[in-house]
Amino acid sequence: MLPEEDLSRLEEDKYYLFQIVGFSVVTESGERVGSVKDVLFIKDNDLLVIERGGTEILIPFTDAICAAVNLEAREIVIRPPEGLLDLNEI
């Protein structure tokens, strides 16, 4: 637990995972999914916890699903496989 100002500077387009909490999540077609509430660190596959209309859904934080992380817009663009947004409500 370090103060943010004590963390190492990262290369351009790199970020710490805690920095994406609060980012909007949208699909490639522009549909708003929700916002990042948390990141779960699970062996071999981190998961985004997305707040969506009073519920939470889990989205694997992988290159195959997360197409882009836009730091300036505070937005993550995803390409979810069919049914992902409906199946994993917790």
C-alpha atoms as a PDB file:
ATOM      1  CA  MET A   1       0.000   0.000   0.000  1.00  0.00           C
ATOM      2  CA  LEU A   2       1.824   3.017  -1.332  1.00  0.00           C
ATOM      3  CA  PRO A   3       0.570   6.491  -1.970  1.00  0.00           C
ATOM      4  CA  GLU A   4      -0.133   6.870  -5.685  1.00  0.00           C
ATOM      5  CA  GLU A   5       2.565   9.532  -6.060  1.00  0.00           C
ATOM      6  CA  ASP A   6       5.181   6.982  -4.896  1.00  0.00           C
ATOM      7  CA  LEU A   7       4.340   4.447  -7.621  1.00  0.00           C
ATOM      8  CA  SER A   8       6.650   4.012 -10.599  1.00  0.00           C
ATOM      9  CA  ARG A   9       5.700   5.947 -13.717  1.00  0.00           C
ATOM     10  CA  LEU A  10       4.423   3.641 -16.394  1.00  0.00           C
ATOM     11  CA  GLU A  11       4.930   3.751 -20.135  1.00  0.00           C
ATOM     12  CA  GLU A  12       2.323   5.501 -22.245  1.00  0.00           C
ATOM     13  CA  ASP A  13      -0.913   3.471 -22.547  1.00  0.00           C
ATOM     14  CA  LYS A  14      -0.001   1.428 -19.451  1.00  0.00           C
ATOM     15  CA  TYR A  15      -1.893   1.667 -16.171  1.00  0.00           C
ATOM     16  CA  TYR A  16      -2.309   0.153 -12.741  1.00  0.00           C
ATOM     17  CA  LEU A  17      -5.452  -1.948 -12.376  1.00  0.00           C
ATOM     18  CA  PHE A  18      -6.736   0.155  -9.474  1.00  0.00           C
ATOM     19  CA  GLN A  19      -6.849   3.131 -11.857  1.00  0.00           C
ATOM     20  CA  ILE A  20      -9.611   1.602 -14.001  1.00  0.00           C
ATOM     21  CA  VAL A  21     -12.104   1.386 -11.120  1.00  0.00           C
ATOM     22  CA  GLY A  22     -14.922   3.753 -12.065  1.00  0.00           C
ATOM     23  CA  PHE A  23     -14.309   3.501 -15.824  1.00  0.00           C
ATOM     24  CA  SER A  24     -17.357   3.126 -18.076  1.00  0.00           C
ATOM     25  CA  VAL A  25     -17.658  -0.160 -19.962  1.00  0.00           C
ATOM     26  CA  VAL A  26     -19.175  -0.168 -23.452  1.00  0.00           C
ATOM     27  CA  THR A  27     -19.415  -2.714 -26.255  1.00  0.00           C
ATOM     28  CA  GLU A  28     -17.750  -2.128 -29.619  1.00  0.00           C
ATOM     29  CA  SER A  29     -21.186  -1.210 -30.975  1.00  0.00           C
ATOM     30  CA  GLY A  30     -21.502   1.549 -28.341  1.00  0.00           C
ATOM     31  CA  GLU A  31     -23.937  -0.143 -25.925  1.00  0.00           C
ATOM     32  CA  ARG A  32     -23.269   0.990 -22.359  1.00  0.00           C
ATOM     33  CA  VAL A  33     -22.727  -2.041 -20.123  1.00  0.00           C
ATOM     34  CA  GLY A  34     -21.978  -0.357 -16.790  1.00  0.00           C
ATOM     35  CA  SER A  35     -18.973   0.799 -14.794  1.00  0.00           C
ATOM     36  CA  VAL A  36     -16.011  -0.978 -13.226  1.00  0.00           C
ATOM     37  CA  LYS A  37     -16.684  -1.483  -9.529  1.00  0.00           C
ATOM     38  CA  ASP A  38     -13.675  -3.671  -8.746  1.00  0.00           C
ATOM     39  CA  VAL A  39     -11.058  -6.017 -10.200  1.00  0.00           C
ATOM     40  CA  LEU A  40     -10.827  -9.585  -8.917  1.00  0.00           C
ATOM     41  CA  PHE A  41      -7.359 -11.087  -9.109  1.00  0.00           C
ATOM     42  CA  ILE A  42      -7.778 -14.758  -9.945  1.00  0.00           C
ATOM     43  CA  LYS A  43      -4.974 -17.045 -11.043  1.00  0.00           C
ATOM     44  CA  ASP A  44      -4.487 -16.824 -14.823  1.00  0.00           C
ATOM     45  CA  ASN A  45      -7.475 -14.519 -15.394  1.00  0.00           C
ATOM     46  CA  ASP A  46      -8.387 -11.216 -13.752  1.00  0.00           C
ATOM     47  CA  LEU A  47     -12.082 -10.349 -13.722  1.00  0.00           C
ATOM     48  CA  LEU A  48     -13.749  -6.964 -13.966  1.00  0.00           C
ATOM     49  CA  VAL A  49     -16.676  -6.544 -11.580  1.00  0.00           C
ATOM     50  CA  ILE A  50     -19.135  -4.381 -13.497  1.00  0.00           C
ATOM     51  CA  GLU A  51     -21.988  -2.505 -11.808  1.00  0.00           C
ATOM     52  CA  ARG A  52     -24.935  -2.788 -14.176  1.00  0.00           C
ATOM     53  CA  GLY A  53     -28.366  -1.520 -13.226  1.00  0.00           C
ATOM     54  CA  GLY A  54     -28.179  -2.516  -9.575  1.00  0.00           C
ATOM     55  CA  THR A  55     -26.532  -5.883 -10.256  1.00  0.00           C
ATOM     56  CA  GLU A  56     -22.951  -6.976 -10.759  1.00  0.00           C
ATOM     57  CA  ILE A  57     -21.573  -8.965 -13.667  1.00  0.00           C
ATOM     58  CA  LEU A  58     -18.127 -10.455 -14.127  1.00  0.00           C
ATOM     59  CA  ILE A  59     -16.171  -9.929 -17.326  1.00  0.00           C
ATOM     60  CA  PRO A  60     -12.828 -11.640 -17.972  1.00  0.00           C
ATOM     61  CA  PHE A  61     -10.181  -8.955 -18.346  1.00  0.00           C
ATOM     62  CA  THR A  62      -8.490 -10.547 -21.352  1.00  0.00           C
ATOM     63  CA  ASP A  63      -7.366  -9.234 -24.737  1.00  0.00           C
ATOM     64  CA  ALA A  64      -9.968 -11.443 -26.424  1.00  0.00           C
ATOM     65  CA  ILE A  65     -12.830  -9.645 -24.647  1.00  0.00           C
ATOM     66  CA  CYS A  66     -11.439  -6.234 -23.686  1.00  0.00           C
ATOM     67  CA  ALA A  67     -10.665  -4.568 -26.991  1.00  0.00           C
ATOM     68  CA  ALA A  68      -9.384  -1.253 -25.621  1.00  0.00           C
ATOM     69  CA  VAL A  69      -8.741   0.701 -22.450  1.00  0.00           C
ATOM     70  CA  ASN A  70      -9.020   4.431 -23.081  1.00  0.00           C
ATOM     71  CA  LEU A  71      -7.395   6.242 -20.166  1.00  0.00           C
ATOM     72  CA  GLU A  72      -8.374   9.734 -21.326  1.00  0.00           C
ATOM     73  CA  ALA A  73     -12.044   8.838 -21.830  1.00  0.00           C
ATOM     74  CA  ARG A  74     -12.045   6.614 -18.702  1.00  0.00           C
ATOM     75  CA  GLU A  75     -13.626   3.865 -20.771  1.00  0.00           C
ATOM     76  CA  ILE A  76     -13.117   0.169 -21.527  1.00  0.00           C
ATOM     77  CA  VAL A  77     -14.427  -1.171 -24.840  1.00  0.00           C
ATOM     78  CA  ILE A  78     -15.407  -4.848 -24.811  1.00  0.00           C
ATOM     79  CA  ARG A  79     -16.413  -7.471 -27.358  1.00  0.00           C
ATOM     80  CA  PRO A  80     -18.332  -9.936 -25.194  1.00  0.00           C
ATOM     81  CA  PRO A  81     -19.134 -13.384 -26.547  1.00  0.00           C
ATOM     82  CA  GLU A  82     -22.842 -13.972 -27.060  1.00  0.00           C
ATOM     83  CA  GLY A  83     -24.633 -14.484 -23.741  1.00  0.00           C
ATOM     84  CA  LEU A  84     -21.768 -13.333 -21.479  1.00  0.00           C
ATOM     85  CA  LEU A  85     -23.599 -10.242 -20.278  1.00  0.00           C
ATOM     86  CA  ASP A  86     -26.675 -12.306 -19.382  1.00  0.00           C
ATOM     87  CA  LEU A  87     -25.143 -15.457 -17.884  1.00  0.00           C
ATOM     88  CA  ASN A  88     -22.850 -14.256 -15.165  1.00  0.00           C
ATOM     89  CA  GLU A  89     -24.974 -11.953 -13.034  1.00  0.00           C
ATOM     90  CA  ILE A  90     -24.056 -12.300  -9.350  1.00  0.00           C
END
